């Protein structure tokens, strides 16, 4: 996309994610990840601005628990979540994914 405003490169992957926010608990999947956030596939995205707690395992079984905020939604498709609480060691692991 010519108008892509992402601040970090993304790695495509499909991994299970559990999340909760705005009074909702759900389990679905992440379709891509970067140092700044993830895209979560869901038919019913949370509203923009919602605070989200997530837990998921990256390739190799590396567990991540992170917080974020819903930055954009695509009704019936999913939501882009920007990390607001990502541990430095988790960021390092994600950075390693980008190099693959």
PDB file of N, CA and C in Angstrom:
ATOM      1  N   UNK A   1       0.828  -1.188   0.000  1.00  0.00           N
ATOM      2  CA  UNK A   1       0.000   0.000   0.000  1.00  0.00           C
ATOM      3  C   UNK A   1       0.869   1.246   0.000  1.00  0.00           C
ATOM      4  N   UNK A   2       0.535   2.173  -0.833  1.00  0.00           N
ATOM      5  CA  UNK A   2       1.295   3.402  -0.893  1.00  0.00           C
ATOM      6  C   UNK A   2       1.064   4.296   0.320  1.00  0.00           C
ATOM      7  N   UNK A   3      -0.101   4.189   0.932  1.00  0.00           N
ATOM      8  CA  UNK A   3      -0.411   5.056   2.064  1.00  0.00           C
ATOM      9  C   UNK A   3      -0.229   4.347   3.403  1.00  0.00           C
ATOM     10  N   UNK A   4       0.579   3.303   3.426  1.00  0.00           N
ATOM     11  CA  UNK A   4       0.815   2.535   4.647  1.00  0.00           C
ATOM     12  C   UNK A   4       1.578   3.399   5.649  1.00  0.00           C
ATOM     13  N   UNK A   5       0.998   3.602   6.839  1.00  0.00           N
ATOM     14  CA  UNK A   5       1.592   4.475   7.845  1.00  0.00           C
ATOM     15  C   UNK A   5       2.223   3.696   8.991  1.00  0.00           C
ATOM     16  N   UNK A   6       2.458   2.409   8.816  1.00  0.00           N
ATOM     17  CA  UNK A   6       3.015   1.603   9.889  1.00  0.00           C
ATOM     18  C   UNK A   6       4.420   2.065  10.236  1.00  0.00           C
ATOM     19  N   UNK A   7       4.703   2.022  11.546  1.00  0.00           N
ATOM     20  CA  UNK A   7       6.017   2.444  12.028  1.00  0.00           C
ATOM     21  C   UNK A   7       6.984   1.280  12.133  1.00  0.00           C
ATOM     22  N   UNK A   8       6.504   0.051  11.998  1.00  0.00           N
ATOM     23  CA  UNK A   8       7.358  -1.126  12.129  1.00  0.00           C
ATOM     24  C   UNK A   8       6.942  -2.167  11.102  1.00  0.00           C
ATOM     25  N   UNK A   9       7.912  -2.939  10.640  1.00  0.00           N
ATOM     26  CA  UNK A   9       7.573  -3.986   9.680  1.00  0.00           C
ATOM     27  C   UNK A   9       6.795  -5.088  10.391  1.00  0.00           C
ATOM     28  N   UNK A  10       5.936  -5.751   9.634  1.00  0.00           N
ATOM     29  CA  UNK A  10       5.089  -6.788  10.208  1.00  0.00           C
ATOM     30  C   UNK A  10       5.507  -8.154   9.729  1.00  0.00           C
ATOM     31  N   UNK A  11       5.311  -9.139  10.607  1.00  0.00           N
ATOM     32  CA  UNK A  11       5.549 -10.532  10.262  1.00  0.00           C
ATOM     33  C   UNK A  11       4.202 -11.234  10.229  1.00  0.00           C
ATOM     34  N   UNK A  12       3.892 -11.850   9.106  1.00  0.00           N
ATOM     35  CA  UNK A  12       2.646 -12.597   9.011  1.00  0.00           C
ATOM     36  C   UNK A  12       2.785 -13.934   9.725  1.00  0.00           C
ATOM     37  N   UNK A  13       1.814 -14.268  10.537  1.00  0.00           N
ATOM     38  CA  UNK A  13       1.767 -15.546  11.214  1.00  0.00           C
ATOM     39  C   UNK A  13       0.353 -15.741  11.721  1.00  0.00           C
ATOM     40  N   UNK A  14      -0.014 -16.961  11.953  1.00  0.00           N
ATOM     41  CA  UNK A  14      -1.326 -17.260  12.533  1.00  0.00           C
ATOM     42  C   UNK A  14      -1.096 -17.946  13.863  1.00  0.00           C
ATOM     43  N   UNK A  15      -1.461 -17.253  14.949  1.00  0.00           N
ATOM     44  CA  UNK A  15      -1.316 -17.827  16.282  1.00  0.00           C
ATOM     45  C   UNK A  15      -2.567 -17.536  17.102  1.00  0.00           C
ATOM     46  N   UNK A  16      -2.864 -18.436  18.009  1.00  0.00           N
ATOM     47  CA  UNK A  16      -4.005 -18.273  18.906  1.00  0.00           C
ATOM     48  C   UNK A  16      -3.738 -17.143  19.895  1.00  0.00           C
ATOM     49  N   UNK A  17      -4.786 -16.393  20.215  1.00  0.00           N
ATOM     50  CA  UNK A  17      -4.680 -15.326  21.211  1.00  0.00           C
ATOM     51  C   UNK A  17      -5.928 -15.344  22.084  1.00  0.00           C
ATOM     52  N   UNK A  18      -5.723 -15.133  23.383  1.00  0.00           N
ATOM     53  CA  UNK A  18      -6.825 -14.899  24.314  1.00  0.00           C
ATOM     54  C   UNK A  18      -6.749 -13.421  24.668  1.00  0.00           C
ATOM     55  N   UNK A  19      -7.916 -12.762  24.669  1.00  0.00           N
ATOM     56  CA  UNK A  19      -7.907 -11.343  25.019  1.00  0.00           C
ATOM     57  C   UNK A  19      -9.146 -10.999  25.821  1.00  0.00           C
ATOM     58  N   UNK A  20      -9.016  -9.899  26.557  1.00  0.00           N
ATOM     59  CA  UNK A  20     -10.173  -9.357  27.256  1.00  0.00           C
ATOM     60  C   UNK A  20     -10.078  -7.840  27.270  1.00  0.00           C
ATOM     61  N   UNK A  21     -11.260  -7.240  27.151  1.00  0.00           N
ATOM     62  CA  UNK A  21     -11.347  -5.792  27.152  1.00  0.00           C
ATOM     63  C   UNK A  21     -12.772  -5.373  26.871  1.00  0.00           C
ATOM     64  N   UNK A  22     -13.159  -4.220  27.357  1.00  0.00           N
ATOM     65  CA  UNK A  22     -14.504  -3.673  27.152  1.00  0.00           C
ATOM     66  C   UNK A  22     -15.576  -4.680  27.562  1.00  0.00           C
ATOM     67  N   UNK A  23     -15.311  -5.432  28.637  1.00  0.00           N
ATOM     68  CA  UNK A  23     -16.291  -6.384  29.145  1.00  0.00           C
ATOM     69  C   UNK A  23     -16.406  -7.672  28.345  1.00  0.00           C
ATOM     70  N   UNK A  24     -15.467  -7.918  27.444  1.00  0.00           N
ATOM     71  CA  UNK A  24     -15.505  -9.098  26.578  1.00  0.00           C
ATOM     72  C   UNK A  24     -14.265  -9.950  26.827  1.00  0.00           C
ATOM     73  N   UNK A  25     -14.465 -11.264  26.867  1.00  0.00           N
ATOM     74  CA  UNK A  25     -13.359 -12.225  26.880  1.00  0.00           C
ATOM     75  C   UNK A  25     -13.530 -13.091  25.653  1.00  0.00           C
ATOM     76  N   UNK A  26     -12.450 -13.298  24.915  1.00  0.00           N
ATOM     77  CA  UNK A  26     -12.560 -14.093  23.694  1.00  0.00           C
ATOM     78  C   UNK A  26     -11.242 -14.785  23.384  1.00  0.00           C
ATOM     79  N   UNK A  27     -11.348 -15.765  22.505  1.00  0.00           N
ATOM     80  CA  UNK A  27     -10.172 -16.452  21.983  1.00  0.00           C
ATOM     81  C   UNK A  27     -10.321 -16.512  20.475  1.00  0.00           C
ATOM     82  N   UNK A  28      -9.298 -16.101  19.760  1.00  0.00           N
ATOM     83  CA  UNK A  28      -9.312 -16.085  18.304  1.00  0.00           C
ATOM     84  C   UNK A  28      -7.883 -16.213  17.821  1.00  0.00           C
ATOM     85  N   UNK A  29      -7.515 -15.495  16.749  1.00  0.00           N
ATOM     86  CA  UNK A  29      -6.130 -15.594  16.296  1.00  0.00           C
ATOM     87  C   UNK A  29      -5.578 -14.249  15.837  1.00  0.00           C
ATOM     88  N   UNK A  30      -4.274 -14.172  15.932  1.00  0.00           N
ATOM     89  CA  UNK A  30      -3.504 -13.034  15.427  1.00  0.00           C
ATOM     90  C   UNK A  30      -3.054 -13.415  14.030  1.00  0.00           C
ATOM     91  N   UNK A  31      -3.169 -12.484  13.073  1.00  0.00           N
ATOM     92  CA  UNK A  31      -2.720 -12.791  11.719  1.00  0.00           C
ATOM     93  C   UNK A  31      -1.413 -12.096  11.357  1.00  0.00           C
ATOM     94  N   UNK A  32      -1.038 -11.048  12.088  1.00  0.00           N
ATOM     95  CA  UNK A  32       0.297 -10.484  11.913  1.00  0.00           C
ATOM     96  C   UNK A  32       0.706  -9.708  13.155  1.00  0.00           C
ATOM     97  N   UNK A  33       2.016  -9.527  13.273  1.00  0.00           N
ATOM     98  CA  UNK A  33       2.582  -8.905  14.467  1.00  0.00           C
ATOM     99  C   UNK A  33       3.759  -8.028  14.085  1.00  0.00           C
ATOM    100  N   UNK A  34       3.973  -6.974  14.861  1.00  0.00           N
ATOM    101  CA  UNK A  34       5.149  -6.118  14.716  1.00  0.00           C
ATOM    102  C   UNK A  34       5.554  -5.671  16.112  1.00  0.00           C
ATOM    103  N   UNK A  35       6.602  -4.897  16.191  1.00  0.00           N
ATOM    104  CA  UNK A  35       7.020  -4.372  17.493  1.00  0.00           C
ATOM    105  C   UNK A  35       5.993  -3.419  18.082  1.00  0.00           C
ATOM    106  N   UNK A  36       5.140  -2.851  17.235  1.00  0.00           N
ATOM    107  CA  UNK A  36       4.168  -1.874  17.731  1.00  0.00           C
ATOM    108  C   UNK A  36       2.789  -2.454  17.995  1.00  0.00           C
ATOM    109  N   UNK A  37       2.490  -3.649  17.457  1.00  0.00           N
ATOM    110  CA  UNK A  37       1.155  -4.193  17.704  1.00  0.00           C
ATOM    111  C   UNK A  37       0.843  -5.435  16.900  1.00  0.00           C
ATOM    112  N   UNK A  38      -0.443  -5.798  16.942  1.00  0.00           N
ATOM    113  CA  UNK A  38      -0.930  -7.007  16.282  1.00  0.00           C
ATOM    114  C   UNK A  38      -2.247  -6.716  15.569  1.00  0.00           C
ATOM    115  N   UNK A  39      -2.587  -7.585  14.613  1.00  0.00           N
ATOM    116  CA  UNK A  39      -3.920  -7.556  14.032  1.00  0.00           C
ATOM    117  C   UNK A  39      -4.621  -8.824  14.500  1.00  0.00           C
ATOM    118  N   UNK A  40      -5.746  -8.649  15.184  1.00  0.00           N
ATOM    119  CA  UNK A  40      -6.524  -9.760  15.722  1.00  0.00           C
ATOM    120  C   UNK A  40      -7.753  -9.964  14.846  1.00  0.00           C
ATOM    121  N   UNK A  41      -7.900 -11.175  14.333  1.00  0.00           N
ATOM    122  CA  UNK A  41      -9.061 -11.497  13.516  1.00  0.00           C
ATOM    123  C   UNK A  41     -10.257 -11.785  14.421  1.00  0.00           C
ATOM    124  N   UNK A  42     -11.367 -11.107  14.167  1.00  0.00           N
ATOM    125  CA  UNK A  42     -12.594 -11.332  14.923  1.00  0.00           C
ATOM    126  C   UNK A  42     -13.770 -10.734  14.158  1.00  0.00           C
ATOM    127  N   UNK A  43     -14.889 -11.413  14.202  1.00  0.00           N
ATOM    128  CA  UNK A  43     -16.095 -10.905  13.548  1.00  0.00           C
ATOM    129  C   UNK A  43     -16.674  -9.716  14.297  1.00  0.00           C
ATOM    130  N   UNK A  44     -16.374  -9.642  15.598  1.00  0.00           N
ATOM    131  CA  UNK A  44     -16.924  -8.576  16.435  1.00  0.00           C
ATOM    132  C   UNK A  44     -15.798  -7.825  17.153  1.00  0.00           C
ATOM    133  N   UNK A  45     -15.108  -6.935  16.450  1.00  0.00           N
ATOM    134  CA  UNK A  45     -14.010  -6.201  17.084  1.00  0.00           C
ATOM    135  C   UNK A  45     -14.501  -5.290  18.207  1.00  0.00           C
ATOM    136  N   UNK A  46     -13.620  -5.054  19.149  1.00  0.00           N
ATOM    137  CA  UNK A  46     -13.904  -4.112  20.222  1.00  0.00           C
ATOM    138  C   UNK A  46     -13.871  -2.698  19.647  1.00  0.00           C
ATOM    139  N   UNK A  47     -14.467  -1.746  20.336  1.00  0.00           N
ATOM    140  CA  UNK A  47     -14.456  -0.379  19.806  1.00  0.00           C
ATOM    141  C   UNK A  47     -13.063   0.248  19.840  1.00  0.00           C
ATOM    142  N   UNK A  48     -12.802   1.136  18.902  1.00  0.00           N
ATOM    143  CA  UNK A  48     -11.539   1.877  18.906  1.00  0.00           C
ATOM    144  C   UNK A  48     -11.390   2.577  20.247  1.00  0.00           C
ATOM    145  N   UNK A  49     -10.182   2.503  20.809  1.00  0.00           N
ATOM    146  CA  UNK A  49      -9.916   3.107  22.108  1.00  0.00           C
ATOM    147  C   UNK A  49     -10.024   2.144  23.272  1.00  0.00           C
ATOM    148  N   UNK A  50     -10.578   0.953  23.040  1.00  0.00           N
ATOM    149  CA  UNK A  50     -10.713  -0.029  24.120  1.00  0.00           C
ATOM    150  C   UNK A  50      -9.332  -0.529  24.552  1.00  0.00           C
ATOM    151  N   UNK A  51      -9.163  -0.694  25.858  1.00  0.00           N
ATOM    152  CA  UNK A  51      -7.934  -1.249  26.429  1.00  0.00           C
ATOM    153  C   UNK A  51      -8.073  -2.765  26.425  1.00  0.00           C
ATOM    154  N   UNK A  52      -7.022  -3.466  25.985  1.00  0.00           N
ATOM    155  CA  UNK A  52      -7.070  -4.909  25.804  1.00  0.00           C
ATOM    156  C   UNK A  52      -5.886  -5.565  26.507  1.00  0.00           C
ATOM    157  N   UNK A  53      -6.157  -6.671  27.200  1.00  0.00           N
ATOM    158  CA  UNK A  53      -5.100  -7.525  27.743  1.00  0.00           C
ATOM    159  C   UNK A  53      -5.087  -8.780  26.897  1.00  0.00           C
ATOM    160  N   UNK A  54      -3.889  -9.184  26.461  1.00  0.00           N
ATOM    161  CA  UNK A  54      -3.756 -10.335  25.568  1.00  0.00           C
ATOM    162  C   UNK A  54      -2.734 -11.322  26.108  1.00  0.00           C
ATOM    163  N   UNK A  55      -2.933 -12.594  25.781  1.00  0.00           N
ATOM    164  CA  UNK A  55      -1.912 -13.604  26.034  1.00  0.00           C
ATOM    165  C   UNK A  55      -1.865 -14.531  24.830  1.00  0.00           C
ATOM    166  N   UNK A  56      -0.638 -14.825  24.393  1.00  0.00           N
ATOM    167  CA  UNK A  56      -0.437 -15.687  23.232  1.00  0.00           C
ATOM    168  C   UNK A  56       0.971 -16.264  23.280  1.00  0.00           C
ATOM    169  N   UNK A  57       1.206 -17.288  22.491  1.00  0.00           N
ATOM    170  CA  UNK A  57       2.528 -17.894  22.393  1.00  0.00           C
ATOM    171  C   UNK A  57       3.043 -17.710  20.974  1.00  0.00           C
ATOM    172  N   UNK A  58       4.254 -17.201  20.873  1.00  0.00           N
ATOM    173  CA  UNK A  58       4.898 -16.999  19.580  1.00  0.00           C
ATOM    174  C   UNK A  58       5.528 -18.308  19.111  1.00  0.00           C
ATOM    175  N   UNK A  59       5.926 -18.383  17.851  1.00  0.00           N
ATOM    176  CA  UNK A  59       6.578 -19.599  17.364  1.00  0.00           C
ATOM    177  C   UNK A  59       7.726 -20.015  18.291  1.00  0.00           C
ATOM    178  N   UNK A  60       7.839 -21.306  18.511  1.00  0.00           N
ATOM    179  CA  UNK A  60       8.827 -21.818  19.453  1.00  0.00           C
ATOM    180  C   UNK A  60       8.270 -21.927  20.856  1.00  0.00           C
ATOM    181  N   UNK A  61       6.971 -21.557  21.028  1.00  0.00           N
ATOM    182  CA  UNK A  61       6.325 -21.662  22.333  1.00  0.00           C
ATOM    183  C   UNK A  61       6.613 -20.515  23.275  1.00  0.00           C
ATOM    184  N   UNK A  62       7.176 -19.421  22.782  1.00  0.00           N
ATOM    185  CA  UNK A  62       7.507 -18.270  23.627  1.00  0.00           C
ATOM    186  C   UNK A  62       6.222 -17.559  24.074  1.00  0.00           C
ATOM    187  N   UNK A  63       5.928 -17.554  25.407  1.00  0.00           N
ATOM    188  CA  UNK A  63       4.683 -16.941  25.896  1.00  0.00           C
ATOM    189  C   UNK A  63       4.792 -15.419  26.041  1.00  0.00           C
ATOM    190  N   UNK A  64       3.711 -14.725  25.664  1.00  0.00           N
ATOM    191  CA  UNK A  64       3.661 -13.267  25.773  1.00  0.00           C
ATOM    192  C   UNK A  64       2.351 -12.875  26.441  1.00  0.00           C
ATOM    193  N   UNK A  65       2.461 -11.966  27.404  1.00  0.00           N
ATOM    194  CA  UNK A  65       1.288 -11.307  27.980  1.00  0.00           C
ATOM    195  C   UNK A  65       1.519  -9.822  27.769  1.00  0.00           C
ATOM    196  N   UNK A  66       0.564  -9.182  27.096  1.00  0.00           N
ATOM    197  CA  UNK A  66       0.751  -7.777  26.743  1.00  0.00           C
ATOM    198  C   UNK A  66      -0.555  -7.013  26.871  1.00  0.00           C
ATOM    199  N   UNK A  67      -0.421  -5.711  26.998  1.00  0.00           N
ATOM    200  CA  UNK A  67      -1.578  -4.821  26.981  1.00  0.00           C
ATOM    201  C   UNK A  67      -1.509  -3.962  25.745  1.00  0.00           C
ATOM    202  N   UNK A  68      -2.677  -3.516  25.313  1.00  0.00           N
ATOM    203  CA  UNK A  68      -2.723  -2.661  24.142  1.00  0.00           C
ATOM    204  C   UNK A  68      -4.004  -1.858  24.083  1.00  0.00           C
ATOM    205  N   UNK A  69      -4.109  -1.077  23.030  1.00  0.00           N
ATOM    206  CA  UNK A  69      -5.294  -0.264  22.799  1.00  0.00           C
ATOM    207  C   UNK A  69      -5.742  -0.492  21.359  1.00  0.00           C
ATOM    208  N   UNK A  70      -7.042  -0.643  21.162  1.00  0.00           N
ATOM    209  CA  UNK A  70      -7.576  -0.835  19.818  1.00  0.00           C
ATOM    210  C   UNK A  70      -7.430   0.487  19.064  1.00  0.00           C
ATOM    211  N   UNK A  71      -6.659   0.446  17.976  1.00  0.00           N
ATOM    212  CA  UNK A  71      -6.401   1.650  17.199  1.00  0.00           C
ATOM    213  C   UNK A  71      -7.320   1.774  15.991  1.00  0.00           C
ATOM    214  N   UNK A  72      -7.665   0.638  15.391  1.00  0.00           N
ATOM    215  CA  UNK A  72      -8.597   0.688  14.259  1.00  0.00           C
ATOM    216  C   UNK A  72      -9.350  -0.634  14.182  1.00  0.00           C
ATOM    217  N   UNK A  73     -10.539  -0.563  13.611  1.00  0.00           N
ATOM    218  CA  UNK A  73     -11.352  -1.770  13.460  1.00  0.00           C
ATOM    219  C   UNK A  73     -11.765  -1.924  12.003  1.00  0.00           C
ATOM    220  N   UNK A  74     -12.003  -3.164  11.637  1.00  0.00           N
ATOM    221  CA  UNK A  74     -12.571  -3.515  10.343  1.00  0.00           C
ATOM    222  C   UNK A  74     -13.740  -4.438  10.666  1.00  0.00           C
ATOM    223  N   UNK A  75     -14.973  -3.903  10.702  1.00  0.00           N
ATOM    224  CA  UNK A  75     -16.132  -4.713  11.080  1.00  0.00           C
ATOM    225  C   UNK A  75     -16.193  -6.018  10.293  1.00  0.00           C
ATOM    226  N   UNK A  76     -16.410  -7.106  11.023  1.00  0.00           N
ATOM    227  CA  UNK A  76     -16.513  -8.421  10.414  1.00  0.00           C
ATOM    228  C   UNK A  76     -15.176  -9.038  10.035  1.00  0.00           C
ATOM    229  N   UNK A  77     -14.084  -8.308  10.257  1.00  0.00           N
ATOM    230  CA  UNK A  77     -12.749  -8.813   9.894  1.00  0.00           C
ATOM    231  C   UNK A  77     -11.818  -8.858  11.103  1.00  0.00           C
ATOM    232  N   UNK A  78     -11.692  -7.730  11.820  1.00  0.00           N
ATOM    233  CA  UNK A  78     -10.790  -7.735  12.963  1.00  0.00           C
ATOM    234  C   UNK A  78     -10.440  -6.346  13.440  1.00  0.00           C
ATOM    235  N   UNK A  79      -9.361  -6.292  14.242  1.00  0.00           N
ATOM    236  CA  UNK A  79      -8.959  -5.032  14.862  1.00  0.00           C
ATOM    237  C   UNK A  79      -7.445  -4.952  14.980  1.00  0.00           C
ATOM    238  N   UNK A  80      -6.936  -3.756  14.769  1.00  0.00           N
ATOM    239  CA  UNK A  80      -5.521  -3.480  14.966  1.00  0.00           C
ATOM    240  C   UNK A  80      -5.320  -2.983  16.382  1.00  0.00           C
ATOM    241  N   UNK A  81      -4.420  -3.639  17.106  1.00  0.00           N
ATOM    242  CA  UNK A  81      -4.153  -3.290  18.498  1.00  0.00           C
ATOM    243  C   UNK A  81      -2.707  -2.831  18.622  1.00  0.00           C
ATOM    244  N   UNK A  82      -2.521  -1.644  19.169  1.00  0.00           N
ATOM    245  CA  UNK A  82      -1.182  -1.114  19.416  1.00  0.00           C
ATOM    246  C   UNK A  82      -0.753  -1.504  20.822  1.00  0.00           C
ATOM    247  N   UNK A  83       0.445  -2.058  20.949  1.00  0.00           N
ATOM    248  CA  UNK A  83       0.958  -2.416  22.272  1.00  0.00           C
ATOM    249  C   UNK A  83       1.164  -1.165  23.113  1.00  0.00           C
ATOM    250  N   UNK A  84       0.738  -1.235  24.373  1.00  0.00           N
ATOM    251  CA  UNK A  84       1.028  -0.175  25.331  1.00  0.00           C
ATOM    252  C   UNK A  84       1.870  -0.717  26.472  1.00  0.00           C
ATOM    253  N   UNK A  85       1.897  -2.025  26.617  1.00  0.00           N
ATOM    254  CA  UNK A  85       2.695  -2.660  27.656  1.00  0.00           C
ATOM    255  C   UNK A  85       3.317  -3.926  27.098  1.00  0.00           C
ATOM    256  N   UNK A  86       4.525  -3.802  26.563  1.00  0.00           N
ATOM    257  CA  UNK A  86       5.242  -4.941  26.008  1.00  0.00           C
ATOM    258  C   UNK A  86       6.609  -4.985  26.680  1.00  0.00           C
ATOM    259  N   UNK A  87       6.938  -6.113  27.296  1.00  0.00           N
ATOM    260  CA  UNK A  87       8.218  -6.257  27.991  1.00  0.00           C
ATOM    261  C   UNK A  87       9.370  -6.206  26.973  1.00  0.00           C
ATOM    262  N   UNK A  88      10.500  -5.652  27.377  1.00  0.00           N
ATOM    263  CA  UNK A  88      11.649  -5.558  26.466  1.00  0.00           C
ATOM    264  C   UNK A  88      12.074  -6.920  25.904  1.00  0.00           C
ATOM    265  N   UNK A  89      12.038  -7.955  26.713  1.00  0.00           N
ATOM    266  CA  UNK A  89      12.440  -9.277  26.227  1.00  0.00           C
ATOM    267  C   UNK A  89      11.441  -9.815  25.189  1.00  0.00           C
ATOM    268  N   UNK A  90      10.157  -9.459  25.343  1.00  0.00           N
ATOM    269  CA  UNK A  90       9.156  -9.854  24.348  1.00  0.00           C
ATOM    270  C   UNK A  90       9.406  -9.103  23.036  1.00  0.00           C
ATOM    271  N   UNK A  91       9.750  -7.824  23.146  1.00  0.00           N
ATOM    272  CA  UNK A  91      10.061  -7.028  21.952  1.00  0.00           C
ATOM    273  C   UNK A  91      11.266  -7.625  21.224  1.00  0.00           C
ATOM    274  N   UNK A  92      12.263  -8.066  21.976  1.00  0.00           N
ATOM    275  CA  UNK A  92      13.442  -8.680  21.354  1.00  0.00           C
ATOM    276  C   UNK A  92      13.064  -9.936  20.587  1.00  0.00           C
ATOM    277  N   UNK A  93      12.174 -10.744  21.158  1.00  0.00           N
ATOM    278  CA  UNK A  93      11.753 -11.975  20.483  1.00  0.00           C
ATOM    279  C   UNK A  93      10.993 -11.646  19.192  1.00  0.00           C
ATOM    280  N   UNK A  94      10.112 -10.658  19.264  1.00  0.00           N
ATOM    281  CA  UNK A  94       9.350 -10.241  18.084  1.00  0.00           C
ATOM    282  C   UNK A  94      10.301  -9.688  17.020  1.00  0.00           C
ATOM    283  N   UNK A  95      11.288  -8.937  17.435  1.00  0.00           N
ATOM    284  CA  UNK A  95      12.277  -8.392  16.508  1.00  0.00           C
ATOM    285  C   UNK A  95      12.969  -9.540  15.755  1.00  0.00           C
ATOM    286  N   UNK A  96      13.227 -10.631  16.454  1.00  0.00           N
ATOM    287  CA  UNK A  96      13.832 -11.804  15.834  1.00  0.00           C
ATOM    288  C   UNK A  96      12.929 -12.435  14.801  1.00  0.00           C
ATOM    289  N   UNK A  97      11.605 -12.386  15.010  1.00  0.00           N
ATOM    290  CA  UNK A  97      10.651 -12.919  14.043  1.00  0.00           C
ATOM    291  C   UNK A  97      10.708 -12.126  12.744  1.00  0.00           C
ATOM    292  N   UNK A  98      10.886 -10.826  12.856  1.00  0.00           N
ATOM    293  CA  UNK A  98      10.899  -9.954  11.687  1.00  0.00           C
ATOM    294  C   UNK A  98      12.069 -10.268  10.768  1.00  0.00           C
ATOM    295  N   UNK A  99      13.128 -10.849  11.316  1.00  0.00           N
ATOM    296  CA  UNK A  99      14.321 -11.145  10.528  1.00  0.00           C
ATOM    297  C   UNK A  99      14.230 -12.474   9.804  1.00  0.00           C
ATOM    298  N   UNK A 100      13.202 -13.246  10.094  1.00  0.00           N
ATOM    299  CA  UNK A 100      13.048 -14.565   9.451  1.00  0.00           C
ATOM    300  C   UNK A 100      12.499 -14.442   8.063  1.00  0.00           C
TER     301      UNK A 100
END
